[in-house]
C-alpha atoms as a PDB file:
ATOM      1  CA  MET A   1       0.000   0.000   0.000  1.00  0.00           C
ATOM      2  CA  PRO A   2       1.624   3.292  -1.082  1.00  0.00           C
ATOM      3  CA  ARG A   3       2.356   5.667   1.787  1.00  0.00           C
ATOM      4  CA  VAL A   4       1.469   9.285   0.996  1.00  0.00           C
ATOM      5  CA  LEU A   5       2.196  12.358   3.104  1.00  0.00           C
ATOM      6  CA  ILE A   6      -0.088  15.370   2.580  1.00  0.00           C
ATOM      7  CA  ILE A   7       1.177  18.782   3.717  1.00  0.00           C
ATOM      8  CA  GLU A   8      -1.774  21.181   3.467  1.00  0.00           C
ATOM      9  CA  ASP A   9      -2.857  23.975   5.827  1.00  0.00           C
ATOM     10  CA  ASP A  10      -6.543  24.109   4.798  1.00  0.00           C
ATOM     11  CA  ARG A  11      -8.277  21.598   7.059  1.00  0.00           C
ATOM     12  CA  ALA A  12     -11.202  20.947   4.725  1.00  0.00           C
ATOM     13  CA  VAL A  13      -8.896  20.313   1.770  1.00  0.00           C
ATOM     14  CA  ARG A  14      -6.532  18.228   3.891  1.00  0.00           C
ATOM     15  CA  ASP A  15      -9.301  16.011   5.274  1.00  0.00           C
ATOM     16  CA  GLY A  16     -10.956  15.661   1.869  1.00  0.00           C
ATOM     17  CA  VAL A  17      -7.763  14.630   0.107  1.00  0.00           C
ATOM     18  CA  ARG A  18      -6.818  12.255   2.912  1.00  0.00           C
ATOM     19  CA  LEU A  19     -10.192  10.499   2.738  1.00  0.00           C
ATOM     20  CA  ALA A  20     -10.168  10.350  -1.059  1.00  0.00           C
ATOM     21  CA  LEU A  21      -6.673   8.866  -1.230  1.00  0.00           C
ATOM     22  CA  ARG A  22      -7.483   6.296   1.442  1.00  0.00           C
ATOM     23  CA  ARG A  23     -10.434   5.212  -0.679  1.00  0.00           C
ATOM     24  CA  GLN A  24      -7.999   4.819  -3.582  1.00  0.00           C
ATOM     25  CA  GLY A  25      -5.917   2.421  -1.496  1.00  0.00           C
ATOM     26  CA  HIS A  26      -3.203   4.664  -0.061  1.00  0.00           C
ATOM     27  CA  ASP A  27      -1.891   4.789   3.502  1.00  0.00           C
ATOM     28  CA  VAL A  28      -2.093   8.503   4.274  1.00  0.00           C
ATOM     29  CA  ALA A  29      -0.615  10.820   6.894  1.00  0.00           C
ATOM     30  CA  ALA A  30      -1.360  14.553   6.926  1.00  0.00           C
ATOM     31  CA  ALA A  31       0.303  17.684   8.293  1.00  0.00           C
ATOM     32  CA  ALA A  32      -1.005  21.241   8.583  1.00  0.00           C
ATOM     33  CA  THR A  33       2.376  23.024   8.514  1.00  0.00           C
ATOM     34  CA  GLY A  34       5.733  22.625   6.862  1.00  0.00           C
ATOM     35  CA  GLU A  35       7.430  21.993  10.176  1.00  0.00           C
ATOM     36  CA  GLU A  36       4.967  19.216  11.050  1.00  0.00           C
ATOM     37  CA  GLY A  37       5.365  17.782   7.566  1.00  0.00           C
ATOM     38  CA  LEU A  38       9.147  17.531   7.928  1.00  0.00           C
ATOM     39  CA  GLU A  39       8.695  15.724  11.248  1.00  0.00           C
ATOM     40  CA  LEU A  40       6.259  13.258   9.659  1.00  0.00           C
ATOM     41  CA  LEU A  41       8.647  12.743   6.763  1.00  0.00           C
ATOM     42  CA  ARG A  42      11.122  11.225   9.210  1.00  0.00           C
ATOM     43  CA  SER A  43       8.649   9.147  11.211  1.00  0.00           C
ATOM     44  CA  PHE A  44       6.094   8.114   8.546  1.00  0.00           C
ATOM     45  CA  ARG A  45       8.653   7.579   5.740  1.00  0.00           C
ATOM     46  CA  PRO A  46       6.254   8.180   2.842  1.00  0.00           C
ATOM     47  CA  ASP A  47       6.608   6.886  -0.706  1.00  0.00           C
ATOM     48  CA  ALA A  48       5.352  10.240  -2.050  1.00  0.00           C
ATOM     49  CA  VAL A  49       4.572  13.730  -0.763  1.00  0.00           C
ATOM     50  CA  VAL A  50       1.706  16.005  -1.843  1.00  0.00           C
ATOM     51  CA  LEU A  51       2.875  19.480  -0.871  1.00  0.00           C
ATOM     52  CA  ASP A  52       0.788  22.680  -0.806  1.00  0.00           C
ATOM     53  CA  LEU A  53       2.781  25.570  -2.208  1.00  0.00           C
ATOM     54  CA  MET A  54       1.170  28.319  -0.101  1.00  0.00           C
ATOM     55  CA  LEU A  55       1.773  27.200   3.473  1.00  0.00           C
ATOM     56  CA  PRO A  56       1.815  29.643   6.397  1.00  0.00           C
ATOM     57  CA  GLY A  57       5.152  30.107   8.111  1.00  0.00           C
ATOM     58  CA  MET A  58       7.578  27.817   6.327  1.00  0.00           C
ATOM     59  CA  THR A  59       6.446  27.942   2.705  1.00  0.00           C
ATOM     60  CA  GLY A  60       5.963  24.950   0.455  1.00  0.00           C
ATOM     61  CA  LEU A  61       9.007  26.019  -1.557  1.00  0.00           C
ATOM     62  CA  GLU A  62      11.190  25.985   1.555  1.00  0.00           C
ATOM     63  CA  VAL A  63       9.781  22.597   2.584  1.00  0.00           C
ATOM     64  CA  CYS A  64      10.570  21.255  -0.884  1.00  0.00           C
ATOM     65  CA  ARG A  65      14.136  22.545  -0.725  1.00  0.00           C
ATOM     66  CA  ARG A  66      14.671  21.062   2.740  1.00  0.00           C
ATOM     67  CA  ILE A  67      13.352  17.674   1.639  1.00  0.00           C
ATOM     68  CA  ARG A  68      15.555  17.688  -1.455  1.00  0.00           C
ATOM     69  CA  ALA A  69      18.618  18.505   0.639  1.00  0.00           C
ATOM     70  CA  HIS A  70      18.610  14.935   1.966  1.00  0.00           C
ATOM     71  CA  ASP A  71      15.797  12.905   0.377  1.00  0.00           C
ATOM     72  CA  GLN A  72      14.709  12.042  -3.179  1.00  0.00           C
ATOM     73  CA  VAL A  73      11.136  11.049  -2.256  1.00  0.00           C
ATOM     74  CA  PRO A  74       8.727  12.008  -5.089  1.00  0.00           C
ATOM     75  CA  ILE A  75       7.049  15.384  -4.504  1.00  0.00           C
ATOM     76  CA  ILE A  76       3.832  16.557  -6.156  1.00  0.00           C
ATOM     77  CA  MET A  77       3.277  20.275  -5.650  1.00  0.00           C
ATOM     78  CA  ALA A  78      -0.291  21.550  -5.210  1.00  0.00           C
ATOM     79  CA  THR A  79      -1.117  25.157  -6.038  1.00  0.00           C
ATOM     80  CA  ALA A  80      -4.413  27.020  -5.952  1.00  0.00           C
ATOM     81  CA  ARG A  81      -3.285  29.774  -8.273  1.00  0.00           C
ATOM     82  CA  GLY A  82      -1.582  28.076 -11.176  1.00  0.00           C
ATOM     83  CA  ASP A  83       0.770  31.063 -11.263  1.00  0.00           C
ATOM     84  CA  ASP A  84       3.498  30.566 -13.844  1.00  0.00           C
ATOM     85  CA  THR A  85       6.292  31.919 -11.661  1.00  0.00           C
ATOM     86  CA  ASP A  86       5.286  29.864  -8.621  1.00  0.00           C
ATOM     87  CA  ILE A  87       5.048  26.691 -10.701  1.00  0.00           C
ATOM     88  CA  VAL A  88       8.434  27.179 -12.344  1.00  0.00           C
ATOM     89  CA  VAL A  89      10.146  28.000  -9.034  1.00  0.00           C
ATOM     90  CA  GLY A  90       8.492  24.982  -7.407  1.00  0.00           C
ATOM     91  CA  LEU A  91       9.619  22.635 -10.160  1.00  0.00           C
ATOM     92  CA  GLU A  92      13.134  24.046 -10.116  1.00  0.00           C
ATOM     93  CA  SER A  93      13.204  23.551  -6.328  1.00  0.00           C
ATOM     94  CA  GLY A  94      12.805  19.820  -6.877  1.00  0.00           C
ATOM     95  CA  ALA A  95       9.101  18.988  -7.260  1.00  0.00           C
ATOM     96  CA  ASP A  96       8.485  16.114  -9.680  1.00  0.00           C
ATOM     97  CA  ASP A  97       5.026  17.199 -10.811  1.00  0.00           C
ATOM     98  CA  TYR A  98       2.262  19.647  -9.927  1.00  0.00           C
ATOM     99  CA  VAL A  99      -1.517  19.862  -9.761  1.00  0.00           C
ATOM    100  CA  VAL A 100      -3.768  22.921  -9.606  1.00  0.00           C
ATOM    101  CA  LYS A 101      -6.379  22.877  -6.835  1.00  0.00           C
ATOM    102  CA  PRO A 102      -9.121  21.865  -6.670  1.00  0.00           C
ATOM    103  CA  VAL A 103      -7.987  18.552  -8.127  1.00  0.00           C
ATOM    104  CA  ARG A 104     -10.121  15.458  -8.583  1.00  0.00           C
ATOM    105  CA  ALA A 105      -9.143  12.437  -6.498  1.00  0.00           C
ATOM    106  CA  ARG A 106      -8.747  10.241  -9.571  1.00  0.00           C
ATOM    107  CA  VAL A 107      -6.353  12.721 -11.156  1.00  0.00           C
ATOM    108  CA  LEU A 108      -4.233  13.036  -8.011  1.00  0.00           C
ATOM    109  CA  ASP A 109      -4.213   9.261  -7.552  1.00  0.00           C
ATOM    110  CA  ALA A 110      -3.032   8.831 -11.159  1.00  0.00           C
ATOM    111  CA  ARG A 111      -0.245  11.386 -10.671  1.00  0.00           C
ATOM    112  CA  ILE A 112       0.890   9.668  -7.460  1.00  0.00           C
ATOM    113  CA  ARG A 113       0.952   6.231  -9.068  1.00  0.00           C
ATOM    114  CA  ALA A 114       2.813   7.593 -12.103  1.00  0.00           C
ATOM    115  CA  VAL A 115       5.523   9.220  -9.992  1.00  0.00           C
ATOM    116  CA  LEU A 116       5.886   6.018  -7.950  1.00  0.00           C
ATOM    117  CA  ARG A 117       6.411   4.052 -11.160  1.00  0.00           C
ATOM    118  CA  ARG A 118       9.122   6.522 -12.134  1.00  0.00           C
ATOM    119  CA  ALA A 119      10.774   5.977  -8.776  1.00  0.00           C
ATOM    120  CA  GLY A 120      10.819   2.199  -9.114  1.00  0.00           C
ATOM    121  CA  THR A 121      11.291   1.246 -12.760  1.00  0.00           C
ATOM    122  CA  THR A 122      13.747   1.679 -15.605  1.00  0.00           C
ATOM    123  CA  ASP A 123      13.171   2.285 -19.282  1.00  0.00           C
ATOM    124  CA  ASP A 124      14.263  -1.328 -19.888  1.00  0.00           C
ATOM    125  CA  PRO A 125      13.494  -3.776 -17.050  1.00  0.00           C
ATOM    126  CA  GLY A 126      15.834  -6.379 -18.558  1.00  0.00           C
ATOM    127  CA  ALA A 127      18.774  -4.027 -18.843  1.00  0.00           C
ATOM    128  CA  SER A 128      21.873  -5.026 -16.926  1.00  0.00           C
ATOM    129  CA  ARG A 129      24.498  -2.892 -18.632  1.00  0.00           C
ATOM    130  CA  VAL A 130      26.559  -0.125 -17.154  1.00  0.00           C
ATOM    131  CA  GLU A 131      27.056   2.736 -19.592  1.00  0.00           C
ATOM    132  CA  HIS A 132      30.035   5.095 -19.624  1.00  0.00           C
ATOM    133  CA  HIS A 133      29.559   8.527 -21.140  1.00  0.00           C
ATOM    134  CA  GLY A 134      32.810  10.312 -20.382  1.00  0.00           C
ATOM    135  CA  ASP A 135      32.750  11.162 -16.680  1.00  0.00           C
ATOM    136  CA  LEU A 136      29.104  10.086 -16.408  1.00  0.00           C
ATOM    137  CA  VAL A 137      28.351   6.442 -15.556  1.00  0.00           C
ATOM    138  CA  ILE A 138      24.779   5.088 -15.683  1.00  0.00           C
ATOM    139  CA  ASP A 139      23.917   1.738 -14.103  1.00  0.00           C
ATOM    140  CA  ARG A 140      20.512   0.864 -15.553  1.00  0.00           C
ATOM    141  CA  ALA A 141      19.959  -2.228 -13.432  1.00  0.00           C
ATOM    142  CA  GLY A 142      21.053  -0.637 -10.186  1.00  0.00           C
ATOM    143  CA  LEU A 143      19.352   2.697 -10.975  1.00  0.00           C
ATOM    144  CA  THR A 144      22.463   4.575  -9.952  1.00  0.00           C
ATOM    145  CA  VAL A 145      24.426   7.382 -11.579  1.00  0.00           C
ATOM    146  CA  THR A 146      27.931   8.600 -10.828  1.00  0.00           C
ATOM    147  CA  HIS A 147      29.848  11.613 -12.125  1.00  0.00           C
ATOM    148  CA  ARG A 148      33.640  11.583 -11.829  1.00  0.00           C
ATOM    149  CA  GLY A 149      33.309   8.645  -9.477  1.00  0.00           C
ATOM    150  CA  GLN A 150      30.909  10.395  -7.103  1.00  0.00           C
ATOM    151  CA  PRO A 151      27.291   9.233  -6.629  1.00  0.00           C
ATOM    152  CA  VAL A 152      24.671  11.594  -8.057  1.00  0.00           C
ATOM    153  CA  ALA A 153      21.416  11.812  -6.067  1.00  0.00           C
ATOM    154  CA  LEU A 154      18.655  12.082  -8.664  1.00  0.00           C
ATOM    155  CA  GLY A 155      14.944  12.402  -8.000  1.00  0.00           C
ATOM    156  CA  PRO A 156      12.636   9.940  -9.786  1.00  0.00           C
ATOM    157  CA  SER A 157      11.763  12.309 -12.623  1.00  0.00           C
ATOM    158  CA  GLU A 158      15.390  13.310 -13.163  1.00  0.00           C
ATOM    159  CA  LEU A 159      16.504   9.672 -13.228  1.00  0.00           C
ATOM    160  CA  ARG A 160      13.730   8.612 -15.572  1.00  0.00           C
ATOM    161  CA  LEU A 161      14.505  11.527 -17.887  1.00  0.00           C
ATOM    162  CA  LEU A 162      18.188  10.611 -18.005  1.00  0.00           C
ATOM    163  CA  LEU A 163      17.410   6.935 -18.649  1.00  0.00           C
ATOM    164  CA  THR A 164      14.973   7.826 -21.425  1.00  0.00           C
ATOM    165  CA  LEU A 165      17.318  10.229 -23.210  1.00  0.00           C
ATOM    166  CA  SER A 166      20.462   8.104 -22.839  1.00  0.00           C
ATOM    167  CA  ALA A 167      18.711   4.926 -24.045  1.00  0.00           C
ATOM    168  CA  SER A 168      18.462   6.561 -27.476  1.00  0.00           C
ATOM    169  CA  ALA A 169      21.594   8.679 -27.576  1.00  0.00           C
ATOM    170  CA  GLY A 170      21.562  11.073 -30.504  1.00  0.00           C
ATOM    171  CA  GLN A 171      17.788  10.906 -30.945  1.00  0.00           C
ATOM    172  CA  VAL A 172      15.937  14.189 -30.558  1.00  0.00           C
ATOM    173  CA  PHE A 173      12.893  14.015 -28.267  1.00  0.00           C
ATOM    174  CA  SER A 174      10.180  16.649 -28.351  1.00  0.00           C
ATOM    175  CA  ARG A 175       8.927  17.950 -25.035  1.00  0.00           C
ATOM    176  CA  GLN A 176       5.607  16.208 -25.629  1.00  0.00           C
ATOM    177  CA  GLN A 177       7.370  12.891 -26.239  1.00  0.00           C
ATOM    178  CA  LEU A 178       9.232  13.315 -22.965  1.00  0.00           C
ATOM    179  CA  LEU A 179       6.049  14.238 -21.098  1.00  0.00           C
ATOM    180  CA  GLU A 180       4.507  10.977 -22.300  1.00  0.00           C
ATOM    181  CA  ALA A 181       7.601   8.834 -21.647  1.00  0.00           C
ATOM    182  CA  VAL A 182       8.644  10.282 -18.286  1.00  0.00           C
ATOM    183  CA  TRP A 183       5.524  11.811 -16.716  1.00  0.00           C
ATOM    184  CA  GLU A 184       2.920   9.612 -18.475  1.00  0.00           C
ATOM    185  CA  HIS A 185       0.974  12.704 -19.506  1.00  0.00           C
ATOM    186  CA  ASN A 186      -0.816  11.482 -22.622  1.00  0.00           C
ATOM    187  CA  TYR A 187      -2.275  14.892 -23.430  1.00  0.00           C
ATOM    188  CA  HIS A 188      -0.704  18.185 -24.493  1.00  0.00           C
ATOM    189  CA  GLY A 189       0.946  18.709 -21.148  1.00  0.00           C
ATOM    190  CA  ASP A 190       3.030  21.427 -19.592  1.00  0.00           C
ATOM    191  CA  ALA A 191       6.475  21.753 -21.174  1.00  0.00           C
ATOM    192  CA  ARG A 192       7.668  23.524 -18.008  1.00  0.00           C
ATOM    193  CA  LEU A 193       7.846  20.109 -16.315  1.00  0.00           C
ATOM    194  CA  VAL A 194      10.414  19.014 -18.885  1.00  0.00           C
ATOM    195  CA  ASP A 195      12.438  22.236 -18.928  1.00  0.00           C
ATOM    196  CA  ALA A 196      12.654  22.459 -15.127  1.00  0.00           C
ATOM    197  CA  CYS A 197      13.653  18.798 -14.844  1.00  0.00           C
ATOM    198  CA  VAL A 198      16.358  19.230 -17.492  1.00  0.00           C
ATOM    199  CA  LYS A 199      17.710  22.226 -15.576  1.00  0.00           C
ATOM    200  CA  ARG A 200      17.887  20.230 -12.332  1.00  0.00           C
ATOM    201  CA  LEU A 201      19.436  17.226 -14.077  1.00  0.00           C
ATOM    202  CA  ARG A 202      22.115  19.318 -15.774  1.00  0.00           C
ATOM    203  CA  ALA A 203      23.090  20.919 -12.464  1.00  0.00           C
ATOM    204  CA  LYS A 204      23.385  17.557 -10.733  1.00  0.00           C
ATOM    205  CA  ILE A 205      25.488  15.850 -13.412  1.00  0.00           C
ATOM    206  CA  GLY A 206      27.930  18.722 -13.597  1.00  0.00           C
ATOM    207  CA  GLU A 207      26.932  20.271 -16.908  1.00  0.00           C
ATOM    208  CA  PRO A 208      28.794  23.574 -17.470  1.00  0.00           C
ATOM    209  CA  ALA A 209      26.368  26.494 -17.577  1.00  0.00           C
ATOM    210  CA  GLY A 210      25.578  27.361 -21.191  1.00  0.00           C
ATOM    211  CA  SER A 211      27.743  24.536 -22.574  1.00  0.00           C
ATOM    212  CA  PRO A 212      26.169  21.154 -21.770  1.00  0.00           C
ATOM    213  CA  GLN A 213      28.125  17.978 -22.493  1.00  0.00           C
ATOM    214  CA  TYR A 214      25.338  15.425 -22.171  1.00  0.00           C
ATOM    215  CA  VAL A 215      21.817  16.871 -22.436  1.00  0.00           C
ATOM    216  CA  HIS A 216      21.560  19.227 -25.377  1.00  0.00           C
ATOM    217  CA  THR A 217      18.765  21.603 -26.323  1.00  0.00           C
ATOM    218  CA  VAL A 218      17.486  21.384 -29.901  1.00  0.00           C
ATOM    219  CA  ARG A 219      15.929  24.793 -30.333  1.00  0.00           C
ATOM    220  CA  GLY A 220      12.295  24.810 -31.303  1.00  0.00           C
ATOM    221  CA  PHE A 221      11.903  21.101 -30.682  1.00  0.00           C
ATOM    222  CA  GLY A 222      13.288  19.492 -27.547  1.00  0.00           C
ATOM    223  CA  TYR A 223      16.335  17.661 -26.235  1.00  0.00           C
ATOM    224  CA  ARG A 224      18.847  14.963 -27.110  1.00  0.00           C
ATOM    225  CA  PHE A 225      21.550  13.075 -25.224  1.00  0.00           C
ATOM    226  CA  GLY A 226      25.088  12.561 -26.437  1.00  0.00           C
ATOM    227  CA  PRO A 227      28.170  14.330 -27.719  1.00  0.00           C
ATOM    228  CA  ARG A 228      27.777  17.549 -29.631  1.00  0.00           C
END
């Protein structure tokens, strides 16, 4: 049973989401503040976190940053405003996906299950090879990545994106193709998910600013993996 932590200050929303997710088969814990949420993160050990962006006191963005400082648990950001700036900052802070409130229980359940699949599967379940791309080493079976011999802590979306791109080195992927392959969004989804994830991935694998070695932008289309 997936364990989900909800961090939401609105009691009605918090109780409604908790009940709905329990009906969908999740084990749910809920917190009203960021501080309480961080405490529950340690004791409840969730498989995924649903995090309200606009928390009183410690904001959702700060909670996200603090989680990402030591934990790669999947985070789904919830926002009532759908504000472009807030969404981009939230994604760049480490959130794996976002939903705009109010969100239907079935939609949230689908997003949670999708992000959990990203956290636990590879692009090729039978793969056992270790790939060397210069200083970057990708172990597809072990789901680990190292750069210059040092482990790289990647969130589920970042790892899945890297596995998808590197499995077809040289192939150009549109943002929509990546949304479908990585986030399982089979509609015209939000390209900001892809762009923010690429930015986080590049930073973590040591890409020089403005001169990437591994993940390259193909202007007007998308991204590809491999040498220039």
